[in-house]
């Protein structure tokens, strides 16, 4: 059975892709698509990046954690509303023609 030769990516390339996920909070599939690699590769690079660049953030208090969860829930709701409104505008623009 022939062994598949893997493409070699420079450490700088891998770190840049991992930084997009970790520091800019971009979704792994989006970064993988932009870089032309699989999502699993990016996940592996992110895991390695986090291991070597361990940031010791102080733990959140209970009230901070609750506030964060509330804000994340609100962001999800607003994103859903925004997506719905975008589809509505497209529908009515098409219907108006």
PDB file of N, CA and C in Angstrom:
ATOM      1  N   UNK A   1       0.839  -1.163   0.000  1.00  0.00           N
ATOM      2  CA  UNK A   1       0.000   0.000   0.000  1.00  0.00           C
ATOM      3  C   UNK A   1       0.893   1.237   0.000  1.00  0.00           C
ATOM      4  N   UNK A   2       0.619   2.152  -0.879  1.00  0.00           N
ATOM      5  CA  UNK A   2       1.419   3.368  -0.975  1.00  0.00           C
ATOM      6  C   UNK A   2       1.093   4.301   0.184  1.00  0.00           C
ATOM      7  N   UNK A   3       2.140   4.865   0.734  1.00  0.00           N
ATOM      8  CA  UNK A   3       1.936   5.796   1.844  1.00  0.00           C
ATOM      9  C   UNK A   3       1.782   7.203   1.285  1.00  0.00           C
ATOM     10  N   UNK A   4       0.796   7.918   1.780  1.00  0.00           N
ATOM     11  CA  UNK A   4       0.530   9.269   1.314  1.00  0.00           C
ATOM     12  C   UNK A   4       1.553  10.218   1.922  1.00  0.00           C
ATOM     13  N   UNK A   5       2.175  11.004   1.084  1.00  0.00           N
ATOM     14  CA  UNK A   5       3.159  11.958   1.565  1.00  0.00           C
ATOM     15  C   UNK A   5       2.432  13.216   2.033  1.00  0.00           C
ATOM     16  N   UNK A   6       2.713  13.635   3.248  1.00  0.00           N
ATOM     17  CA  UNK A   6       2.054  14.817   3.782  1.00  0.00           C
ATOM     18  C   UNK A   6       2.770  16.075   3.314  1.00  0.00           C
ATOM     19  N   UNK A   7       1.977  17.135   3.160  1.00  0.00           N
ATOM     20  CA  UNK A   7       2.554  18.416   2.792  1.00  0.00           C
ATOM     21  C   UNK A   7       3.199  19.010   4.029  1.00  0.00           C
ATOM     22  N   UNK A   8       4.344  19.589   3.844  1.00  0.00           N
ATOM     23  CA  UNK A   8       5.015  20.211   4.968  1.00  0.00           C
ATOM     24  C   UNK A   8       4.677  21.685   5.030  1.00  0.00           C
ATOM     25  N   UNK A   9       4.280  22.133   6.174  1.00  0.00           N
ATOM     26  CA  UNK A   9       3.985  23.542   6.381  1.00  0.00           C
ATOM     27  C   UNK A   9       5.001  24.095   7.360  1.00  0.00           C
ATOM     28  N   UNK A  10       5.433  25.288   7.104  1.00  0.00           N
ATOM     29  CA  UNK A  10       6.430  25.897   7.971  1.00  0.00           C
ATOM     30  C   UNK A  10       5.837  26.156   9.345  1.00  0.00           C
ATOM     31  N   UNK A  11       6.681  26.192  10.354  1.00  0.00           N
ATOM     32  CA  UNK A  11       6.184  26.502  11.701  1.00  0.00           C
ATOM     33  C   UNK A  11       5.509  27.874  11.764  1.00  0.00           C
ATOM     34  N   UNK A  12       5.992  28.815  10.962  1.00  0.00           N
ATOM     35  CA  UNK A  12       5.393  30.146  10.935  1.00  0.00           C
ATOM     36  C   UNK A  12       3.965  30.097  10.393  1.00  0.00           C
ATOM     37  N   UNK A  13       3.762  29.300   9.348  1.00  0.00           N
ATOM     38  CA  UNK A  13       2.440  29.138   8.754  1.00  0.00           C
ATOM     39  C   UNK A  13       1.476  28.518   9.762  1.00  0.00           C
ATOM     40  N   UNK A  14       1.943  27.468  10.442  1.00  0.00           N
ATOM     41  CA  UNK A  14       1.111  26.783  11.423  1.00  0.00           C
ATOM     42  C   UNK A  14       0.755  27.717  12.580  1.00  0.00           C
ATOM     43  N   UNK A  15       1.738  28.473  13.037  1.00  0.00           N
ATOM     44  CA  UNK A  15       1.493  29.386  14.151  1.00  0.00           C
ATOM     45  C   UNK A  15       0.532  30.502  13.747  1.00  0.00           C
ATOM     46  N   UNK A  16       0.671  31.004  12.530  1.00  0.00           N
ATOM     47  CA  UNK A  16      -0.222  32.063  12.059  1.00  0.00           C
ATOM     48  C   UNK A  16      -1.664  31.555  12.000  1.00  0.00           C
ATOM     49  N   UNK A  17      -1.858  30.345  11.525  1.00  0.00           N
ATOM     50  CA  UNK A  17      -3.201  29.772  11.459  1.00  0.00           C
ATOM     51  C   UNK A  17      -3.766  29.566  12.866  1.00  0.00           C
ATOM     52  N   UNK A  18      -2.940  29.082  13.764  1.00  0.00           N
ATOM     53  CA  UNK A  18      -3.391  28.861  15.139  1.00  0.00           C
ATOM     54  C   UNK A  18      -3.727  30.179  15.824  1.00  0.00           C
ATOM     55  N   UNK A  19      -2.946  31.215  15.558  1.00  0.00           N
ATOM     56  CA  UNK A  19      -3.211  32.529  16.157  1.00  0.00           C
ATOM     57  C   UNK A  19      -4.547  33.097  15.683  1.00  0.00           C
ATOM     58  N   UNK A  20      -4.903  32.830  14.424  1.00  0.00           N
ATOM     59  CA  UNK A  20      -6.205  33.287  13.911  1.00  0.00           C
ATOM     60  C   UNK A  20      -7.337  32.721  14.768  1.00  0.00           C
ATOM     61  N   UNK A  21      -7.200  31.469  15.167  1.00  0.00           N
ATOM     62  CA  UNK A  21      -8.238  30.816  15.965  1.00  0.00           C
ATOM     63  C   UNK A  21      -8.182  31.302  17.416  1.00  0.00           C
ATOM     64  N   UNK A  22      -6.997  31.297  17.997  1.00  0.00           N
ATOM     65  CA  UNK A  22      -6.860  31.587  19.425  1.00  0.00           C
ATOM     66  C   UNK A  22      -7.047  33.066  19.724  1.00  0.00           C
ATOM     67  N   UNK A  23      -6.355  33.923  19.011  1.00  0.00           N
ATOM     68  CA  UNK A  23      -6.349  35.341  19.353  1.00  0.00           C
ATOM     69  C   UNK A  23      -7.492  36.125  18.707  1.00  0.00           C
ATOM     70  N   UNK A  24      -7.912  35.716  17.522  1.00  0.00           N
ATOM     71  CA  UNK A  24      -8.971  36.457  16.829  1.00  0.00           C
ATOM     72  C   UNK A  24     -10.322  35.762  16.906  1.00  0.00           C
ATOM     73  N   UNK A  25     -10.363  34.623  17.584  1.00  0.00           N
ATOM     74  CA  UNK A  25     -11.608  33.859  17.788  1.00  0.00           C
ATOM     75  C   UNK A  25     -12.310  33.504  16.480  1.00  0.00           C
ATOM     76  N   UNK A  26     -11.540  33.185  15.459  1.00  0.00           N
ATOM     77  CA  UNK A  26     -12.145  32.751  14.198  1.00  0.00           C
ATOM     78  C   UNK A  26     -12.452  31.265  14.271  1.00  0.00           C
ATOM     79  N   UNK A  27     -13.529  30.816  13.662  1.00  0.00           N
ATOM     80  CA  UNK A  27     -13.857  29.381  13.662  1.00  0.00           C
ATOM     81  C   UNK A  27     -12.800  28.571  12.913  1.00  0.00           C
ATOM     82  N   UNK A  28     -12.498  27.404  13.448  1.00  0.00           N
ATOM     83  CA  UNK A  28     -11.488  26.539  12.846  1.00  0.00           C
ATOM     84  C   UNK A  28     -11.812  26.201  11.390  1.00  0.00           C
ATOM     85  N   UNK A  29     -13.065  25.841  11.044  1.00  0.00           N
ATOM     86  CA  UNK A  29     -13.346  25.515   9.638  1.00  0.00           C
ATOM     87  C   UNK A  29     -13.057  26.686   8.684  1.00  0.00           C
ATOM     88  N   UNK A  30     -13.322  27.917   9.124  1.00  0.00           N
ATOM     89  CA  UNK A  30     -13.044  29.078   8.279  1.00  0.00           C
ATOM     90  C   UNK A  30     -11.549  29.254   8.056  1.00  0.00           C
ATOM     91  N   UNK A  31     -10.768  29.113   9.116  1.00  0.00           N
ATOM     92  CA  UNK A  31      -9.316  29.244   9.003  1.00  0.00           C
ATOM     93  C   UNK A  31      -8.767  28.127   8.120  1.00  0.00           C
ATOM     94  N   UNK A  32      -9.281  26.916   8.297  1.00  0.00           N
ATOM     95  CA  UNK A  32      -8.822  25.783   7.497  1.00  0.00           C
ATOM     96  C   UNK A  32      -9.112  26.016   6.016  1.00  0.00           C
ATOM     97  N   UNK A  33     -10.306  26.524   5.721  1.00  0.00           N
ATOM     98  CA  UNK A  33     -10.680  26.793   4.331  1.00  0.00           C
ATOM     99  C   UNK A  33      -9.761  27.860   3.737  1.00  0.00           C
ATOM    100  N   UNK A  34      -9.509  28.923   4.501  1.00  0.00           N
ATOM    101  CA  UNK A  34      -8.651  30.004   4.017  1.00  0.00           C
ATOM    102  C   UNK A  34      -7.217  29.532   3.774  1.00  0.00           C
ATOM    103  N   UNK A  35      -6.752  28.613   4.612  1.00  0.00           N
ATOM    104  CA  UNK A  35      -5.370  28.126   4.501  1.00  0.00           C
ATOM    105  C   UNK A  35      -5.228  26.957   3.523  1.00  0.00           C
ATOM    106  N   UNK A  36      -6.347  26.364   3.137  1.00  0.00           N
ATOM    107  CA  UNK A  36      -6.292  25.234   2.217  1.00  0.00           C
ATOM    108  C   UNK A  36      -5.855  23.936   2.877  1.00  0.00           C
ATOM    109  N   UNK A  37      -6.213  23.765   4.149  1.00  0.00           N
ATOM    110  CA  UNK A  37      -5.878  22.543   4.874  1.00  0.00           C
ATOM    111  C   UNK A  37      -7.144  22.005   5.530  1.00  0.00           C
ATOM    112  N   UNK A  38      -7.026  20.837   6.134  1.00  0.00           N
ATOM    113  CA  UNK A  38      -8.183  20.254   6.813  1.00  0.00           C
ATOM    114  C   UNK A  38      -8.377  20.909   8.178  1.00  0.00           C
ATOM    115  N   UNK A  39      -9.600  20.848   8.650  1.00  0.00           N
ATOM    116  CA  UNK A  39      -9.904  21.406   9.967  1.00  0.00           C
ATOM    117  C   UNK A  39      -9.135  20.665  11.061  1.00  0.00           C
ATOM    118  N   UNK A  40      -8.950  19.367  10.873  1.00  0.00           N
ATOM    119  CA  UNK A  40      -8.210  18.587  11.871  1.00  0.00           C
ATOM    120  C   UNK A  40      -6.782  19.077  11.994  1.00  0.00           C
ATOM    121  N   UNK A  41      -6.164  19.442  10.883  1.00  0.00           N
ATOM    122  CA  UNK A  41      -4.802  19.978  10.937  1.00  0.00           C
ATOM    123  C   UNK A  41      -4.767  21.264  11.756  1.00  0.00           C
ATOM    124  N   UNK A  42      -5.730  22.133  11.510  1.00  0.00           N
ATOM    125  CA  UNK A  42      -5.767  23.399  12.257  1.00  0.00           C
ATOM    126  C   UNK A  42      -6.005  23.129  13.725  1.00  0.00           C
ATOM    127  N   UNK A  43      -6.889  22.179  14.060  1.00  0.00           N
ATOM    128  CA  UNK A  43      -7.109  21.832  15.464  1.00  0.00           C
ATOM    129  C   UNK A  43      -5.808  21.371  16.112  1.00  0.00           C
ATOM    130  N   UNK A  44      -5.045  20.548  15.401  1.00  0.00           N
ATOM    131  CA  UNK A  44      -3.771  20.074  15.942  1.00  0.00           C
ATOM    132  C   UNK A  44      -2.813  21.235  16.163  1.00  0.00           C
ATOM    133  N   UNK A  45      -2.770  22.170  15.223  1.00  0.00           N
ATOM    134  CA  UNK A  45      -1.889  23.330  15.350  1.00  0.00           C
ATOM    135  C   UNK A  45      -2.319  24.217  16.509  1.00  0.00           C
ATOM    136  N   UNK A  46      -3.622  24.362  16.702  1.00  0.00           N
ATOM    137  CA  UNK A  46      -4.138  25.175  17.815  1.00  0.00           C
ATOM    138  C   UNK A  46      -3.767  24.529  19.141  1.00  0.00           C
ATOM    139  N   UNK A  47      -3.914  23.220  19.206  1.00  0.00           N
ATOM    140  CA  UNK A  47      -3.566  22.505  20.435  1.00  0.00           C
ATOM    141  C   UNK A  47      -2.089  22.696  20.765  1.00  0.00           C
ATOM    142  N   UNK A  48      -1.236  22.581  19.767  1.00  0.00           N
ATOM    143  CA  UNK A  48       0.202  22.776  19.983  1.00  0.00           C
ATOM    144  C   UNK A  48       0.498  24.223  20.362  1.00  0.00           C
ATOM    145  N   UNK A  49      -0.175  25.159  19.721  1.00  0.00           N
ATOM    146  CA  UNK A  49       0.037  26.582  20.017  1.00  0.00           C
ATOM    147  C   UNK A  49      -0.343  26.885  21.461  1.00  0.00           C
ATOM    148  N   UNK A  50      -1.482  26.362  21.887  1.00  0.00           N
ATOM    149  CA  UNK A  50      -1.925  26.605  23.263  1.00  0.00           C
ATOM    150  C   UNK A  50      -0.984  25.960  24.278  1.00  0.00           C
ATOM    151  N   UNK A  51      -0.415  24.821  23.924  1.00  0.00           N
ATOM    152  CA  UNK A  51       0.514  24.156  24.842  1.00  0.00           C
ATOM    153  C   UNK A  51       1.797  24.965  25.009  1.00  0.00           C
ATOM    154  N   UNK A  52       2.255  25.580  23.933  1.00  0.00           N
ATOM    155  CA  UNK A  52       3.508  26.329  24.013  1.00  0.00           C
ATOM    156  C   UNK A  52       3.305  27.771  24.446  1.00  0.00           C
ATOM    157  N   UNK A  53       2.116  28.294  24.277  1.00  0.00           N
ATOM    158  CA  UNK A  53       1.825  29.678  24.641  1.00  0.00           C
ATOM    159  C   UNK A  53       0.766  29.726  25.736  1.00  0.00           C
ATOM    160  N   UNK A  54       0.978  28.941  26.764  1.00  0.00           N
ATOM    161  CA  UNK A  54       0.000  28.867  27.845  1.00  0.00           C
ATOM    162  C   UNK A  54      -0.127  30.222  28.521  1.00  0.00           C
ATOM    163  N   UNK A  55      -1.345  30.726  28.506  1.00  0.00           N
ATOM    164  CA  UNK A  55      -1.643  32.002  29.152  1.00  0.00           C
ATOM    165  C   UNK A  55      -2.361  31.690  30.448  1.00  0.00           C
ATOM    166  N   UNK A  56      -1.861  32.232  31.504  1.00  0.00           N
ATOM    167  CA  UNK A  56      -2.490  31.981  32.790  1.00  0.00           C
ATOM    168  C   UNK A  56      -3.456  33.117  33.099  1.00  0.00           C
ATOM    169  N   UNK A  57      -4.660  32.981  32.568  1.00  0.00           N
ATOM    170  CA  UNK A  57      -5.709  33.945  32.853  1.00  0.00           C
ATOM    171  C   UNK A  57      -6.284  33.641  34.229  1.00  0.00           C
ATOM    172  N   UNK A  58      -6.586  34.669  34.974  1.00  0.00           N
ATOM    173  CA  UNK A  58      -7.212  34.404  36.274  1.00  0.00           C
ATOM    174  C   UNK A  58      -8.596  33.799  36.064  1.00  0.00           C
ATOM    175  N   UNK A  59      -8.975  32.921  36.965  1.00  0.00           N
ATOM    176  CA  UNK A  59     -10.284  32.284  36.882  1.00  0.00           C
ATOM    177  C   UNK A  59     -11.379  33.333  37.035  1.00  0.00           C
ATOM    178  N   UNK A  60     -12.472  33.112  36.336  1.00  0.00           N
ATOM    179  CA  UNK A  60     -13.609  34.018  36.427  1.00  0.00           C
ATOM    180  C   UNK A  60     -14.394  33.743  37.707  1.00  0.00           C
ATOM    181  N   UNK A  61     -14.929  34.798  38.260  1.00  0.00           N
ATOM    182  CA  UNK A  61     -15.800  34.622  39.416  1.00  0.00           C
ATOM    183  C   UNK A  61     -17.145  34.104  38.922  1.00  0.00           C
ATOM    184  N   UNK A  62     -17.978  33.685  39.846  1.00  0.00           N
ATOM    185  CA  UNK A  62     -19.289  33.148  39.482  1.00  0.00           C
ATOM    186  C   UNK A  62     -20.115  34.208  38.766  1.00  0.00           C
ATOM    187  N   UNK A  63     -20.083  35.435  39.264  1.00  0.00           N
ATOM    188  CA  UNK A  63     -20.866  36.493  38.625  1.00  0.00           C
ATOM    189  C   UNK A  63     -20.309  36.831  37.241  1.00  0.00           C
ATOM    190  N   UNK A  64     -18.988  36.804  37.075  1.00  0.00           N
ATOM    191  CA  UNK A  64     -18.393  37.073  35.757  1.00  0.00           C
ATOM    192  C   UNK A  64     -18.745  35.969  34.772  1.00  0.00           C
ATOM    193  N   UNK A  65     -18.730  34.740  35.253  1.00  0.00           N
ATOM    194  CA  UNK A  65     -19.069  33.604  34.392  1.00  0.00           C
ATOM    195  C   UNK A  65     -20.539  33.688  33.963  1.00  0.00           C
ATOM    196  N   UNK A  66     -21.413  34.047  34.885  1.00  0.00           N
ATOM    197  CA  UNK A  66     -22.831  34.190  34.553  1.00  0.00           C
ATOM    198  C   UNK A  66     -23.035  35.320  33.554  1.00  0.00           C
ATOM    199  N   UNK A  67     -22.338  36.420  33.747  1.00  0.00           N
ATOM    200  CA  UNK A  67     -22.430  37.554  32.816  1.00  0.00           C
ATOM    201  C   UNK A  67     -21.932  37.157  31.429  1.00  0.00           C
ATOM    202  N   UNK A  68     -20.838  36.419  31.386  1.00  0.00           N
ATOM    203  CA  UNK A  68     -20.293  35.956  30.111  1.00  0.00           C
ATOM    204  C   UNK A  68     -21.290  35.051  29.393  1.00  0.00           C
ATOM    205  N   UNK A  69     -21.906  34.131  30.111  1.00  0.00           N
ATOM    206  CA  UNK A  69     -22.891  33.244  29.502  1.00  0.00           C
ATOM    207  C   UNK A  69     -24.083  34.027  28.975  1.00  0.00           C
ATOM    208  N   UNK A  70     -24.530  35.024  29.716  1.00  0.00           N
ATOM    209  CA  UNK A  70     -25.643  35.858  29.273  1.00  0.00           C
ATOM    210  C   UNK A  70     -25.278  36.622  28.006  1.00  0.00           C
ATOM    211  N   UNK A  71     -24.076  37.165  27.957  1.00  0.00           N
ATOM    212  CA  UNK A  71     -23.640  37.905  26.771  1.00  0.00           C
ATOM    213  C   UNK A  71     -23.487  36.989  25.561  1.00  0.00           C
ATOM    214  N   UNK A  72     -22.968  35.782  25.773  1.00  0.00           N
ATOM    215  CA  UNK A  72     -22.841  34.833  24.669  1.00  0.00           C
ATOM    216  C   UNK A  72     -24.213  34.437  24.136  1.00  0.00           C
ATOM    217  N   UNK A  73     -25.188  34.246  25.047  1.00  0.00           N
ATOM    218  CA  UNK A  73     -26.552  33.916  24.630  1.00  0.00           C
ATOM    219  C   UNK A  73     -27.138  35.050  23.810  1.00  0.00           C
ATOM    220  N   UNK A  74     -26.908  36.282  24.245  1.00  0.00           N
ATOM    221  CA  UNK A  74     -27.433  37.456  23.537  1.00  0.00           C
ATOM    222  C   UNK A  74     -26.805  37.590  22.157  1.00  0.00           C
ATOM    223  N   UNK A  75     -25.514  37.316  22.056  1.00  0.00           N
ATOM    224  CA  UNK A  75     -24.838  37.369  20.758  1.00  0.00           C
ATOM    225  C   UNK A  75     -25.446  36.347  19.812  1.00  0.00           C
ATOM    226  N   UNK A  76     -25.695  35.132  20.309  1.00  0.00           N
ATOM    227  CA  UNK A  76     -26.317  34.103  19.460  1.00  0.00           C
ATOM    228  C   UNK A  76     -27.686  34.558  18.972  1.00  0.00           C
ATOM    229  N   UNK A  77     -28.483  35.138  19.877  1.00  0.00           N
ATOM    230  CA  UNK A  77     -29.811  35.624  19.484  1.00  0.00           C
ATOM    231  C   UNK A  77     -29.709  36.708  18.415  1.00  0.00           C
ATOM    232  N   UNK A  78     -28.806  37.644  18.606  1.00  0.00           N
ATOM    233  CA  UNK A  78     -28.657  38.726  17.631  1.00  0.00           C
ATOM    234  C   UNK A  78     -28.157  38.212  16.288  1.00  0.00           C
ATOM    235  N   UNK A  79     -27.259  37.228  16.309  1.00  0.00           N
ATOM    236  CA  UNK A  79     -26.782  36.653  15.049  1.00  0.00           C
ATOM    237  C   UNK A  79     -27.919  35.955  14.311  1.00  0.00           C
ATOM    238  N   UNK A  80     -28.772  35.245  15.049  1.00  0.00           N
ATOM    239  CA  UNK A  80     -29.916  34.584  14.427  1.00  0.00           C
ATOM    240  C   UNK A  80     -30.882  35.609  13.845  1.00  0.00           C
ATOM    241  N   UNK A  81     -31.147  36.678  14.592  1.00  0.00           N
ATOM    242  CA  UNK A  81     -32.029  37.730  14.088  1.00  0.00           C
ATOM    243  C   UNK A  81     -31.438  38.381  12.842  1.00  0.00           C
ATOM    244  N   UNK A  82     -30.145  38.626  12.863  1.00  0.00           N
ATOM    245  CA  UNK A  82     -29.478  39.248  11.725  1.00  0.00           C
ATOM    246  C   UNK A  82     -29.567  38.348  10.493  1.00  0.00           C
ATOM    247  N   UNK A  83     -29.364  37.055  10.689  1.00  0.00           N
ATOM    248  CA  UNK A  83     -29.455  36.112   9.580  1.00  0.00           C
ATOM    249  C   UNK A  83     -30.880  36.090   9.024  1.00  0.00           C
ATOM    250  N   UNK A  84     -31.877  36.076   9.895  1.00  0.00           N
ATOM    251  CA  UNK A  84     -33.274  36.080   9.468  1.00  0.00           C
ATOM    252  C   UNK A  84     -33.597  37.349   8.681  1.00  0.00           C
ATOM    253  N   UNK A  85     -33.151  38.496   9.193  1.00  0.00           N
ATOM    254  CA  UNK A  85     -33.429  39.758   8.509  1.00  0.00           C
ATOM    255  C   UNK A  85     -32.761  39.803   7.143  1.00  0.00           C
ATOM    256  N   UNK A  86     -31.561  39.270   7.048  1.00  0.00           N
ATOM    257  CA  UNK A  86     -30.877  39.225   5.755  1.00  0.00           C
ATOM    258  C   UNK A  86     -31.650  38.392   4.746  1.00  0.00           C
ATOM    259  N   UNK A  87     -32.173  37.266   5.183  1.00  0.00           N
ATOM    260  CA  UNK A  87     -32.966  36.416   4.297  1.00  0.00           C
ATOM    261  C   UNK A  87     -34.273  37.103   3.918  1.00  0.00           C
ATOM    262  N   UNK A  88     -34.870  37.812   4.879  1.00  0.00           N
ATOM    263  CA  UNK A  88     -36.119  38.519   4.606  1.00  0.00           C
ATOM    264  C   UNK A  88     -35.920  39.610   3.566  1.00  0.00           C
ATOM    265  N   UNK A  89     -34.848  40.356   3.706  1.00  0.00           N
ATOM    266  CA  UNK A  89     -34.559  41.426   2.746  1.00  0.00           C
ATOM    267  C   UNK A  89     -34.370  40.846   1.353  1.00  0.00           C
ATOM    268  N   UNK A  90     -33.639  39.745   1.269  1.00  0.00           N
ATOM    269  CA  UNK A  90     -33.416  39.112  -0.031  1.00  0.00           C
ATOM    270  C   UNK A  90     -34.731  38.621  -0.622  1.00  0.00           C
ATOM    271  N   UNK A  91     -35.598  38.052   0.210  1.00  0.00           N
ATOM    272  CA  UNK A  91     -36.882  37.557  -0.267  1.00  0.00           C
ATOM    273  C   UNK A  91     -37.739  38.694  -0.810  1.00  0.00           C
ATOM    274  N   UNK A  92     -37.866  39.761  -0.040  1.00  0.00           N
ATOM    275  CA  UNK A  92     -38.712  40.870  -0.478  1.00  0.00           C
ATOM    276  C   UNK A  92     -38.116  41.627  -1.653  1.00  0.00           C
ATOM    277  N   UNK A  93     -36.806  41.683  -1.727  1.00  0.00           N
ATOM    278  CA  UNK A  93     -36.164  42.346  -2.875  1.00  0.00           C
ATOM    279  C   UNK A  93     -36.449  41.534  -4.150  1.00  0.00           C
ATOM    280  N   UNK A  94     -36.404  40.223  -4.037  1.00  0.00           N
ATOM    281  CA  UNK A  94     -36.684  39.356  -5.180  1.00  0.00           C
ATOM    282  C   UNK A  94     -38.151  39.462  -5.567  1.00  0.00           C
ATOM    283  N   UNK A  95     -39.042  39.513  -4.571  1.00  0.00           N
ATOM    284  CA  UNK A  95     -40.478  39.586  -4.826  1.00  0.00           C
ATOM    285  C   UNK A  95     -40.880  40.916  -5.441  1.00  0.00           C
ATOM    286  N   UNK A  96     -40.182  41.983  -5.089  1.00  0.00           N
ATOM    287  CA  UNK A  96     -40.512  43.319  -5.546  1.00  0.00           C
ATOM    288  C   UNK A  96     -40.196  43.514  -7.037  1.00  0.00           C
ATOM    289  N   UNK A  97     -39.282  42.760  -7.571  1.00  0.00           N
ATOM    290  CA  UNK A  97     -38.883  42.906  -8.980  1.00  0.00           C
ATOM    291  C   UNK A  97     -39.966  42.596  -9.907  1.00  0.00           C
TER     292      UNK A  97
END
